[in-house]
Amino acid sequence: MSTFLITVLAGLIATSGMSILMWAITRSGVADADMIRAIGTIFTRSEKSTFTVGLVTHYIVGVIIAFAYVALISVIGYSSVAGAIGLGFLISVAHGVAFGFVLVIAVAEHHPWRDSVKPAWRLRSRTSRDTSSTAFLSVLSSASPE
Protein backbone atom coordinates (compact mmCIF):
# COMPACT_ATOMS: atom_id res chain seq x y z
CA MET A 1 0.00 0.00 0.00
CA SER A 2 1.34 3.45 -0.83
CA THR A 3 2.34 6.02 1.78
CA PHE A 4 -0.46 8.27 0.53
CA LEU A 5 -3.17 5.65 1.17
CA ILE A 6 -1.68 4.67 4.53
CA THR A 7 -1.69 8.33 5.59
CA VAL A 8 -5.31 8.79 4.47
CA LEU A 9 -6.30 5.62 6.37
CA ALA A 10 -4.39 6.77 9.47
CA GLY A 11 -6.15 10.15 9.27
CA LEU A 12 -9.56 8.47 9.05
CA ILE A 13 -8.80 6.14 11.97
CA ALA A 14 -7.41 8.95 14.15
CA THR A 15 -10.33 11.26 13.34
CA SER A 16 -12.76 8.46 14.17
CA GLY A 17 -11.02 7.90 17.50
CA MET A 18 -11.18 11.58 18.34
CA SER A 19 -14.86 11.72 17.34
CA ILE A 20 -15.68 8.76 19.58
CA LEU A 21 -13.79 10.36 22.47
CA MET A 22 -15.67 13.66 22.07
CA TRP A 23 -18.97 11.77 21.83
CA ALA A 24 -18.13 9.84 25.04
CA ILE A 25 -17.24 13.05 26.89
CA THR A 26 -20.52 14.65 25.85
CA ARG A 27 -22.52 11.49 26.56
CA SER A 28 -21.00 11.11 30.03
CA GLY A 29 -22.24 14.58 30.95
CA VAL A 30 -18.84 15.87 32.04
CA ALA A 31 -18.69 18.59 29.37
CA ASP A 32 -20.32 19.61 26.13
CA ALA A 33 -17.71 18.40 23.63
CA ASP A 34 -19.95 18.21 20.56
CA MET A 35 -17.45 20.11 18.42
CA ILE A 36 -18.56 18.31 15.24
CA ARG A 37 -21.98 19.94 15.39
CA ALA A 38 -20.46 23.24 16.56
CA ILE A 39 -18.05 23.28 13.60
CA GLY A 40 -20.96 22.50 11.27
CA THR A 41 -22.93 25.48 12.53
CA ILE A 42 -20.12 27.79 11.43
CA PHE A 43 -20.73 26.75 7.79
CA THR A 44 -24.50 26.42 7.73
CA ARG A 45 -27.44 28.39 9.07
CA SER A 46 -29.63 25.29 9.31
CA GLU A 47 -29.64 23.23 12.48
CA LYS A 48 -30.74 20.19 10.45
CA SER A 49 -27.49 19.84 8.50
CA THR A 50 -24.95 20.95 11.13
CA PHE A 51 -23.89 17.43 12.05
CA THR A 52 -23.34 16.29 8.46
CA VAL A 53 -21.42 19.42 7.46
CA GLY A 54 -19.40 19.31 10.69
CA LEU A 55 -18.59 15.62 10.28
CA VAL A 56 -17.45 16.00 6.67
CA THR A 57 -15.35 19.06 7.60
CA HIS A 58 -13.93 17.22 10.61
CA TYR A 59 -12.82 14.22 8.50
CA ILE A 60 -11.38 16.32 5.68
CA VAL A 61 -9.31 18.35 8.12
CA GLY A 62 -8.35 15.17 9.99
CA VAL A 63 -6.91 13.59 6.84
CA ILE A 64 -5.06 16.81 5.94
CA ILE A 65 -3.59 16.98 9.45
CA ALA A 66 -2.47 13.33 9.11
CA PHE A 67 -0.15 14.42 6.30
CA ALA A 68 1.32 17.11 8.55
CA TYR A 69 1.85 14.48 11.26
CA VAL A 70 3.64 12.18 8.80
CA ALA A 71 5.92 15.04 7.72
CA LEU A 72 6.67 16.00 11.34
CA ILE A 73 7.33 12.41 12.41
CA SER A 74 9.63 11.94 9.41
CA VAL A 75 11.60 15.07 10.31
CA ILE A 76 11.92 14.06 13.98
CA GLY A 77 12.74 10.49 13.05
CA TYR A 78 11.76 7.16 14.56
CA SER A 79 13.35 3.77 14.93
CA SER A 80 10.30 1.51 14.70
CA VAL A 81 6.61 1.47 13.87
CA ALA A 82 5.83 1.52 17.60
CA GLY A 83 8.08 4.57 17.96
CA ALA A 84 6.26 6.36 15.14
CA ILE A 85 2.88 5.52 16.70
CA GLY A 86 4.06 6.74 20.12
CA LEU A 87 5.44 9.93 18.63
CA GLY A 88 2.18 10.46 16.74
CA PHE A 89 0.26 9.99 19.99
CA LEU A 90 2.38 12.57 21.82
CA ILE A 91 2.03 15.05 18.97
CA SER A 92 -1.73 14.48 18.93
CA VAL A 93 -2.07 15.20 22.64
CA ALA A 94 -0.22 18.52 22.23
CA HIS A 95 -2.22 19.27 19.10
CA GLY A 96 -5.50 18.43 20.85
CA VAL A 97 -4.79 20.75 23.77
CA ALA A 98 -3.67 23.62 21.53
CA PHE A 99 -6.49 23.36 19.02
CA GLY A 100 -9.04 22.69 21.75
CA PHE A 101 -8.38 26.18 23.06
CA VAL A 102 -8.42 27.63 19.54
CA LEU A 103 -11.76 25.98 18.75
CA VAL A 104 -13.26 27.16 22.02
CA ILE A 105 -12.42 30.72 21.04
CA ALA A 106 -13.35 30.37 17.36
CA VAL A 107 -16.59 28.50 17.93
CA ALA A 108 -17.83 29.90 21.24
CA GLU A 109 -16.68 33.51 20.97
CA HIS A 110 -17.04 34.25 17.24
CA HIS A 111 -19.89 31.94 16.35
CA PRO A 112 -22.81 33.22 14.25
CA TRP A 113 -25.20 31.68 16.77
CA ARG A 114 -23.15 32.73 19.79
CA ASP A 115 -26.00 32.50 22.29
CA SER A 116 -26.79 28.90 21.36
CA VAL A 117 -23.25 27.46 21.50
CA LYS A 118 -21.68 26.65 24.85
CA PRO A 119 -17.90 26.55 25.20
CA ALA A 120 -16.53 23.01 25.34
CA TRP A 121 -15.08 23.65 28.80
CA ARG A 122 -18.43 24.63 30.30
CA LEU A 123 -19.58 21.92 32.66
CA ARG A 124 -23.10 20.63 32.35
CA SER A 125 -23.76 20.16 36.04
CA ARG A 126 -22.02 20.26 39.36
CA THR A 127 -22.18 17.02 41.35
CA SER A 128 -20.53 15.63 44.44
CA ARG A 129 -18.22 13.69 42.09
CA ASP A 130 -16.47 16.90 40.96
CA THR A 131 -12.72 16.75 41.09
CA SER A 132 -10.21 19.54 41.36
CA SER A 133 -9.81 19.57 37.56
CA THR A 134 -13.54 20.04 36.95
CA ALA A 135 -13.64 22.71 39.66
CA PHE A 136 -10.75 24.47 37.90
CA LEU A 137 -12.59 24.25 34.58
CA SER A 138 -15.73 25.74 36.11
CA VAL A 139 -13.65 28.65 37.44
CA LEU A 140 -12.37 29.21 33.88
CA SER A 141 -15.91 29.01 32.59
CA SER A 142 -17.28 31.52 35.08
CA ALA A 143 -14.36 33.88 34.43
CA SER A 144 -14.85 33.89 30.66
CA PRO A 145 -16.37 37.02 29.14
CA GLU A 146 -19.90 36.54 27.79
C-alpha atoms as a PDB file:
ATOM      1  CA  MET A   1       0.000   0.000   0.000  1.00  0.00           C
ATOM      2  CA  SER A   2       1.345   3.447  -0.831  1.00  0.00           C
ATOM      3  CA  THR A   3       2.343   6.017   1.778  1.00  0.00           C
ATOM      4  CA  PHE A   4      -0.465   8.269   0.529  1.00  0.00           C
ATOM      5  CA  LEU A   5      -3.169   5.652   1.168  1.00  0.00           C
ATOM      6  CA  ILE A   6      -1.682   4.666   4.530  1.00  0.00           C
ATOM      7  CA  THR A   7      -1.691   8.329   5.588  1.00  0.00           C
ATOM      8  CA  VAL A   8      -5.313   8.786   4.472  1.00  0.00           C
ATOM      9  CA  LEU A   9      -6.296   5.619   6.368  1.00  0.00           C
ATOM     10  CA  ALA A  10      -4.395   6.772   9.475  1.00  0.00           C
ATOM     11  CA  GLY A  11      -6.151  10.148   9.273  1.00  0.00           C
ATOM     12  CA  LEU A  12      -9.558   8.471   9.048  1.00  0.00           C
ATOM     13  CA  ILE A  13      -8.801   6.145  11.970  1.00  0.00           C
ATOM     14  CA  ALA A  14      -7.412   8.948  14.154  1.00  0.00           C
ATOM     15  CA  THR A  15     -10.329  11.255  13.341  1.00  0.00           C
ATOM     16  CA  SER A  16     -12.762   8.457  14.172  1.00  0.00           C
ATOM     17  CA  GLY A  17     -11.019   7.898  17.496  1.00  0.00           C
ATOM     18  CA  MET A  18     -11.183  11.583  18.342  1.00  0.00           C
ATOM     19  CA  SER A  19     -14.861  11.725  17.338  1.00  0.00           C
ATOM     20  CA  ILE A  20     -15.680   8.763  19.579  1.00  0.00           C
ATOM     21  CA  LEU A  21     -13.787  10.357  22.468  1.00  0.00           C
ATOM     22  CA  MET A  22     -15.669  13.660  22.065  1.00  0.00           C
ATOM     23  CA  TRP A  23     -18.971  11.769  21.834  1.00  0.00           C
ATOM     24  CA  ALA A  24     -18.132   9.844  25.036  1.00  0.00           C
ATOM     25  CA  ILE A  25     -17.241  13.048  26.894  1.00  0.00           C
ATOM     26  CA  THR A  26     -20.524  14.653  25.855  1.00  0.00           C
ATOM     27  CA  ARG A  27     -22.520  11.485  26.556  1.00  0.00           C
ATOM     28  CA  SER A  28     -20.998  11.114  30.034  1.00  0.00           C
ATOM     29  CA  GLY A  29     -22.245  14.578  30.953  1.00  0.00           C
ATOM     30  CA  VAL A  30     -18.839  15.873  32.044  1.00  0.00           C
ATOM     31  CA  ALA A  31     -18.692  18.588  29.369  1.00  0.00           C
ATOM     32  CA  ASP A  32     -20.320  19.609  26.127  1.00  0.00           C
ATOM     33  CA  ALA A  33     -17.711  18.396  23.627  1.00  0.00           C
ATOM     34  CA  ASP A  34     -19.947  18.210  20.559  1.00  0.00           C
ATOM     35  CA  MET A  35     -17.453  20.109  18.419  1.00  0.00           C
ATOM     36  CA  ILE A  36     -18.565  18.309  15.244  1.00  0.00           C
ATOM     37  CA  ARG A  37     -21.983  19.944  15.392  1.00  0.00           C
ATOM     38  CA  ALA A  38     -20.461  23.240  16.563  1.00  0.00           C
ATOM     39  CA  ILE A  39     -18.055  23.282  13.601  1.00  0.00           C
ATOM     40  CA  GLY A  40     -20.958  22.502  11.273  1.00  0.00           C
ATOM     41  CA  THR A  41     -22.926  25.484  12.533  1.00  0.00           C
ATOM     42  CA  ILE A  42     -20.119  27.788  11.426  1.00  0.00           C
ATOM     43  CA  PHE A  43     -20.729  26.753   7.794  1.00  0.00           C
ATOM     44  CA  THR A  44     -24.504  26.421   7.733  1.00  0.00           C
ATOM     45  CA  ARG A  45     -27.436  28.385   9.067  1.00  0.00           C
ATOM     46  CA  SER A  46     -29.630  25.288   9.307  1.00  0.00           C
ATOM     47  CA  GLU A  47     -29.635  23.229  12.478  1.00  0.00           C
ATOM     48  CA  LYS A  48     -30.737  20.191  10.452  1.00  0.00           C
ATOM     49  CA  SER A  49     -27.487  19.838   8.503  1.00  0.00           C
ATOM     50  CA  THR A  50     -24.951  20.955  11.129  1.00  0.00           C
ATOM     51  CA  PHE A  51     -23.891  17.429  12.055  1.00  0.00           C
ATOM     52  CA  THR A  52     -23.343  16.295   8.459  1.00  0.00           C
ATOM     53  CA  VAL A  53     -21.425  19.423   7.460  1.00  0.00           C
ATOM     54  CA  GLY A  54     -19.403  19.311  10.690  1.00  0.00           C
ATOM     55  CA  LEU A  55     -18.591  15.620  10.279  1.00  0.00           C
ATOM     56  CA  VAL A  56     -17.446  15.999   6.670  1.00  0.00           C
ATOM     57  CA  THR A  57     -15.346  19.056   7.599  1.00  0.00           C
ATOM     58  CA  HIS A  58     -13.933  17.217  10.611  1.00  0.00           C
ATOM     59  CA  TYR A  59     -12.823  14.220   8.501  1.00  0.00           C
ATOM     60  CA  ILE A  60     -11.380  16.324   5.675  1.00  0.00           C
ATOM     61  CA  VAL A  61      -9.310  18.355   8.117  1.00  0.00           C
ATOM     62  CA  GLY A  62      -8.353  15.166   9.988  1.00  0.00           C
ATOM     63  CA  VAL A  63      -6.912  13.589   6.837  1.00  0.00           C
ATOM     64  CA  ILE A  64      -5.060  16.809   5.945  1.00  0.00           C
ATOM     65  CA  ILE A  65      -3.591  16.977   9.450  1.00  0.00           C
ATOM     66  CA  ALA A  66      -2.472  13.328   9.105  1.00  0.00           C
ATOM     67  CA  PHE A  67      -0.150  14.421   6.296  1.00  0.00           C
ATOM     68  CA  ALA A  68       1.316  17.112   8.552  1.00  0.00           C
ATOM     69  CA  TYR A  69       1.854  14.476  11.261  1.00  0.00           C
ATOM     70  CA  VAL A  70       3.644  12.182   8.798  1.00  0.00           C
ATOM     71  CA  ALA A  71       5.917  15.035   7.717  1.00  0.00           C
ATOM     72  CA  LEU A  72       6.671  16.003  11.340  1.00  0.00           C
ATOM     73  CA  ILE A  73       7.329  12.408  12.407  1.00  0.00           C
ATOM     74  CA  SER A  74       9.626  11.938   9.406  1.00  0.00           C
ATOM     75  CA  VAL A  75      11.599  15.068  10.309  1.00  0.00           C
ATOM     76  CA  ILE A  76      11.917  14.057  13.977  1.00  0.00           C
ATOM     77  CA  GLY A  77      12.741  10.486  13.046  1.00  0.00           C
ATOM     78  CA  TYR A  78      11.755   7.164  14.563  1.00  0.00           C
ATOM     79  CA  SER A  79      13.351   3.765  14.932  1.00  0.00           C
ATOM     80  CA  SER A  80      10.299   1.514  14.705  1.00  0.00           C
ATOM     81  CA  VAL A  81       6.605   1.468  13.874  1.00  0.00           C
ATOM     82  CA  ALA A  82       5.829   1.520  17.601  1.00  0.00           C
ATOM     83  CA  GLY A  83       8.083   4.571  17.961  1.00  0.00           C
ATOM     84  CA  ALA A  84       6.264   6.360  15.141  1.00  0.00           C
ATOM     85  CA  ILE A  85       2.883   5.525  16.701  1.00  0.00           C
ATOM     86  CA  GLY A  86       4.062   6.738  20.122  1.00  0.00           C
ATOM     87  CA  LEU A  87       5.438   9.929  18.633  1.00  0.00           C
ATOM     88  CA  GLY A  88       2.182  10.461  16.740  1.00  0.00           C
ATOM     89  CA  PHE A  89       0.255   9.994  19.991  1.00  0.00           C
ATOM     90  CA  LEU A  90       2.385  12.568  21.821  1.00  0.00           C
ATOM     91  CA  ILE A  91       2.028  15.053  18.972  1.00  0.00           C
ATOM     92  CA  SER A  92      -1.731  14.476  18.928  1.00  0.00           C
ATOM     93  CA  VAL A  93      -2.065  15.204  22.644  1.00  0.00           C
ATOM     94  CA  ALA A  94      -0.218  18.517  22.230  1.00  0.00           C
ATOM     95  CA  HIS A  95      -2.223  19.270  19.099  1.00  0.00           C
ATOM     96  CA  GLY A  96      -5.501  18.433  20.850  1.00  0.00           C
ATOM     97  CA  VAL A  97      -4.791  20.747  23.766  1.00  0.00           C
ATOM     98  CA  ALA A  98      -3.666  23.622  21.533  1.00  0.00           C
ATOM     99  CA  PHE A  99      -6.491  23.363  19.018  1.00  0.00           C
ATOM    100  CA  GLY A 100      -9.036  22.690  21.755  1.00  0.00           C
ATOM    101  CA  PHE A 101      -8.380  26.177  23.057  1.00  0.00           C
ATOM    102  CA  VAL A 102      -8.419  27.635  19.540  1.00  0.00           C
ATOM    103  CA  LEU A 103     -11.757  25.984  18.746  1.00  0.00           C
ATOM    104  CA  VAL A 104     -13.264  27.158  22.019  1.00  0.00           C
ATOM    105  CA  ILE A 105     -12.417  30.721  21.037  1.00  0.00           C
ATOM    106  CA  ALA A 106     -13.353  30.367  17.361  1.00  0.00           C
ATOM    107  CA  VAL A 107     -16.595  28.505  17.932  1.00  0.00           C
ATOM    108  CA  ALA A 108     -17.834  29.899  21.245  1.00  0.00           C
ATOM    109  CA  GLU A 109     -16.676  33.509  20.971  1.00  0.00           C
ATOM    110  CA  HIS A 110     -17.038  34.248  17.241  1.00  0.00           C
ATOM    111  CA  HIS A 111     -19.889  31.939  16.355  1.00  0.00           C
ATOM    112  CA  PRO A 112     -22.806  33.219  14.248  1.00  0.00           C
ATOM    113  CA  TRP A 113     -25.201  31.681  16.765  1.00  0.00           C
ATOM    114  CA  ARG A 114     -23.146  32.726  19.789  1.00  0.00           C
ATOM    115  CA  ASP A 115     -26.002  32.497  22.293  1.00  0.00           C
ATOM    116  CA  SER A 116     -26.786  28.898  21.361  1.00  0.00           C
ATOM    117  CA  VAL A 117     -23.245  27.457  21.505  1.00  0.00           C
ATOM    118  CA  LYS A 118     -21.684  26.652  24.853  1.00  0.00           C
ATOM    119  CA  PRO A 119     -17.904  26.549  25.199  1.00  0.00           C
ATOM    120  CA  ALA A 120     -16.527  23.007  25.343  1.00  0.00           C
ATOM    121  CA  TRP A 121     -15.082  23.645  28.799  1.00  0.00           C
ATOM    122  CA  ARG A 122     -18.432  24.633  30.304  1.00  0.00           C
ATOM    123  CA  LEU A 123     -19.580  21.916  32.661  1.00  0.00           C
ATOM    124  CA  ARG A 124     -23.098  20.632  32.348  1.00  0.00           C
ATOM    125  CA  SER A 125     -23.759  20.161  36.038  1.00  0.00           C
ATOM    126  CA  ARG A 126     -22.024  20.260  39.364  1.00  0.00           C
ATOM    127  CA  THR A 127     -22.175  17.023  41.352  1.00  0.00           C
ATOM    128  CA  SER A 128     -20.530  15.627  44.438  1.00  0.00           C
ATOM    129  CA  ARG A 129     -18.221  13.694  42.091  1.00  0.00           C
ATOM    130  CA  ASP A 130     -16.465  16.901  40.965  1.00  0.00           C
ATOM    131  CA  THR A 131     -12.717  16.752  41.095  1.00  0.00           C
ATOM    132  CA  SER A 132     -10.209  19.545  41.363  1.00  0.00           C
ATOM    133  CA  SER A 133      -9.813  19.568  37.564  1.00  0.00           C
ATOM    134  CA  THR A 134     -13.537  20.044  36.953  1.00  0.00           C
ATOM    135  CA  ALA A 135     -13.639  22.705  39.656  1.00  0.00           C
ATOM    136  CA  PHE A 136     -10.745  24.468  37.899  1.00  0.00           C
ATOM    137  CA  LEU A 137     -12.591  24.250  34.584  1.00  0.00           C
ATOM    138  CA  SER A 138     -15.734  25.740  36.109  1.00  0.00           C
ATOM    139  CA  VAL A 139     -13.645  28.646  37.436  1.00  0.00           C
ATOM    140  CA  LEU A 140     -12.369  29.212  33.885  1.00  0.00           C
ATOM    141  CA  SER A 141     -15.914  29.014  32.589  1.00  0.00           C
ATOM    142  CA  SER A 142     -17.277  31.521  35.079  1.00  0.00           C
ATOM    143  CA  ALA A 143     -14.360  33.880  34.428  1.00  0.00           C
ATOM    144  CA  SER A 144     -14.852  33.892  30.663  1.00  0.00           C
ATOM    145  CA  PRO A 145     -16.375  37.024  29.140  1.00  0.00           C
ATOM    146  CA  GLU A 146     -19.896  36.541  27.788  1.00  0.00           C
END
